[in-house]
C-alpha atoms as a PDB file:
ATOM      1  CA  MET A   1      -1.195   0.858   0.725  1.00  0.00           C
ATOM      2  CA  LEU A   2      -1.308   4.765   0.043  1.00  0.00           C
ATOM      3  CA  GLY A   3       2.445   4.361  -0.512  1.00  0.00           C
ATOM      4  CA  LYS A   4       2.165   1.982  -3.277  1.00  0.00           C
ATOM      5  CA  TYR A   5      -0.113   4.211  -5.345  1.00  0.00           C
ATOM      6  CA  CYS A   6       1.986   7.180  -4.797  1.00  0.00           C
ATOM      7  CA  GLY A   7       5.199   5.347  -5.967  1.00  0.00           C
ATOM      8  CA  PHE A   8       3.432   4.349  -9.211  1.00  0.00           C
ATOM      9  CA  THR A   9       2.015   7.935  -9.730  1.00  0.00           C
ATOM     10  CA  PHE A  10       5.133   9.440  -9.021  1.00  0.00           C
ATOM     11  CA  SER A  11       6.889   7.055 -11.402  1.00  0.00           C
ATOM     12  CA  PHE A  12       5.030   8.400 -14.167  1.00  0.00           C
ATOM     13  CA  SER A  13       4.885  12.167 -13.376  1.00  0.00           C
ATOM     14  CA  ILE A  14       6.051  14.879 -15.537  1.00  0.00           C
ATOM     15  CA  LYS A  15       8.267  17.761 -14.954  1.00  0.00           C
ATOM     16  CA  LEU A  16       5.453  19.658 -13.008  1.00  0.00           C
ATOM     17  CA  PHE A  17       3.180  17.475 -11.254  1.00  0.00           C
ATOM     18  CA  TYR A  18       1.065  18.459  -8.156  1.00  0.00           C
ATOM     19  CA  SER A  19      -0.587  15.667  -5.732  1.00  0.00           C
ATOM     20  CA  PHE A  20      -3.026  16.083  -3.090  1.00  0.00           C
ATOM     21  CA  LEU A  21      -3.748  13.725   0.116  1.00  0.00           C
ATOM     22  CA  VAL A  22      -7.480  14.165   0.647  1.00  0.00           C
ATOM     23  CA  GLY A  23      -9.183  13.201   3.773  1.00  0.00           C
ATOM     24  CA  ASN A  24     -12.844  12.722   3.580  1.00  0.00           C
ATOM     25  CA  LYS A  25     -15.886  12.303   5.511  1.00  0.00           C
ATOM     26  CA  THR A  26     -14.638  14.810   8.328  1.00  0.00           C
ATOM     27  CA  ASP A  27     -18.415  14.755   9.071  1.00  0.00           C
ATOM     28  CA  LEU A  28     -17.771  11.367  10.981  1.00  0.00           C
ATOM     29  CA  ALA A  29     -15.477  12.472  13.558  1.00  0.00           C
ATOM     30  CA  ASP A  30     -16.599   9.360  15.822  1.00  0.00           C
ATOM     31  CA  LYS A  31     -15.780   6.733  13.339  1.00  0.00           C
ATOM     32  CA  ARG A  32     -12.530   8.427  12.238  1.00  0.00           C
ATOM     33  CA  GLN A  33      -9.562   6.238  11.388  1.00  0.00           C
ATOM     34  CA  VAL A  34      -6.907   8.641  10.592  1.00  0.00           C
ATOM     35  CA  SER A  35      -6.276  11.983  12.628  1.00  0.00           C
ATOM     36  CA  THR A  36      -5.581  15.262  10.999  1.00  0.00           C
ATOM     37  CA  GLU A  37      -1.950  14.999  12.339  1.00  0.00           C
ATOM     38  CA  ASP A  38      -1.473  11.512  10.813  1.00  0.00           C
ATOM     39  CA  GLY A  39      -2.763  12.934   7.509  1.00  0.00           C
ATOM     40  CA  GLU A  40      -0.714  16.162   7.608  1.00  0.00           C
ATOM     41  CA  ARG A  41       2.379  13.943   8.598  1.00  0.00           C
ATOM     42  CA  LYS A  42       2.052  11.457   5.729  1.00  0.00           C
ATOM     43  CA  ALA A  43       1.247  14.452   3.132  1.00  0.00           C
ATOM     44  CA  LYS A  44       4.548  15.766   4.513  1.00  0.00           C
ATOM     45  CA  GLU A  45       6.484  12.653   4.098  1.00  0.00           C
ATOM     46  CA  LEU A  46       4.970  12.181   0.505  1.00  0.00           C
ATOM     47  CA  ASN A  47       5.743  15.782  -0.399  1.00  0.00           C
ATOM     48  CA  VAL A  48       2.196  16.416  -1.275  1.00  0.00           C
ATOM     49  CA  MET A  49      -0.591  18.836  -0.264  1.00  0.00           C
ATOM     50  CA  PHE A  50      -3.105  17.831   2.231  1.00  0.00           C
ATOM     51  CA  ILE A  51      -6.729  18.860   2.807  1.00  0.00           C
ATOM     52  CA  GLU A  52      -9.694  17.390   4.987  1.00  0.00           C
ATOM     53  CA  THR A  53     -13.142  17.488   3.198  1.00  0.00           C
ATOM     54  CA  SER A  54     -16.737  16.255   3.957  1.00  0.00           C
ATOM     55  CA  ALA A  55     -18.740  15.879   0.829  1.00  0.00           C
ATOM     56  CA  LYS A  56     -22.056  15.244   2.882  1.00  0.00           C
ATOM     57  CA  ALA A  57     -21.358  18.636   4.913  1.00  0.00           C
ATOM     58  CA  GLY A  58     -20.027  20.335   1.940  1.00  0.00           C
ATOM     59  CA  TYR A  59     -16.683  21.262   3.706  1.00  0.00           C
ATOM     60  CA  ASN A  60     -13.861  22.060   1.865  1.00  0.00           C
ATOM     61  CA  VAL A  61     -15.022  20.074  -1.442  1.00  0.00           C
ATOM     62  CA  LYS A  62     -15.113  23.186  -3.545  1.00  0.00           C
ATOM     63  CA  GLN A  63     -11.632  24.328  -2.024  1.00  0.00           C
ATOM     64  CA  VAL A  64      -9.843  21.093  -3.464  1.00  0.00           C
ATOM     65  CA  PHE A  65     -10.887  22.216  -6.986  1.00  0.00           C
ATOM     66  CA  TYR A  66     -10.143  25.669  -6.560  1.00  0.00           C
ATOM     67  CA  ASP A  67      -6.689  24.642  -5.310  1.00  0.00           C
ATOM     68  CA  ILE A  68      -6.391  22.361  -8.107  1.00  0.00           C
ATOM     69  CA  ASN A  69      -7.277  25.063 -10.732  1.00  0.00           C
ATOM     70  CA  TYR A  70      -5.099  27.973  -9.185  1.00  0.00           C
ATOM     71  CA  LEU A  71      -2.236  25.803  -9.314  1.00  0.00           C
ATOM     72  CA  LEU A  72      -3.133  25.083 -13.082  1.00  0.00           C
ATOM     73  CA  PHE A  73      -3.405  28.676 -13.673  1.00  0.00           C
ATOM     74  CA  ILE A  74      -0.026  29.711 -12.086  1.00  0.00           C
ATOM     75  CA  ASN A  75       1.630  27.089 -14.020  1.00  0.00           C
ATOM     76  CA  ILE A  76       0.068  28.087 -17.440  1.00  0.00           C
ATOM     77  CA  LEU A  77       1.215  31.764 -16.901  1.00  0.00           C
ATOM     78  CA  TYR A  78       4.666  30.529 -15.640  1.00  0.00           C
ATOM     79  CA  PHE A  79       5.121  28.361 -18.768  1.00  0.00           C
ATOM     80  CA  SER A  80       3.628  30.970 -20.997  1.00  0.00           C
ATOM     81  CA  TYR A  81       6.310  33.700 -19.862  1.00  0.00           C
ATOM     82  CA  SER A  82       9.225  31.393 -19.504  1.00  0.00           C
ATOM     83  CA  ASP A  83      11.870  29.177 -21.470  1.00  0.00           C
ATOM     84  CA  VAL A  84      11.359  26.052 -19.375  1.00  0.00           C
END
């Protein structure tokens, strides 16, 4: 199912595009359906970044947004000073 959506997203991507695969609900380890290793493997296969979060526990939620903002900022700087 994930591959279907990634293919759709990538087909409309622009020159510079970042994707994250976010595993949520890490606070429910006993009900886990996908291991960290499987998530990392899938992210590598799709050539996207991987991070696990727990909205309930507040784990890595802010970090995802910091990472996205950092990448946007770096790209703004890059495109401001290049002829790309």
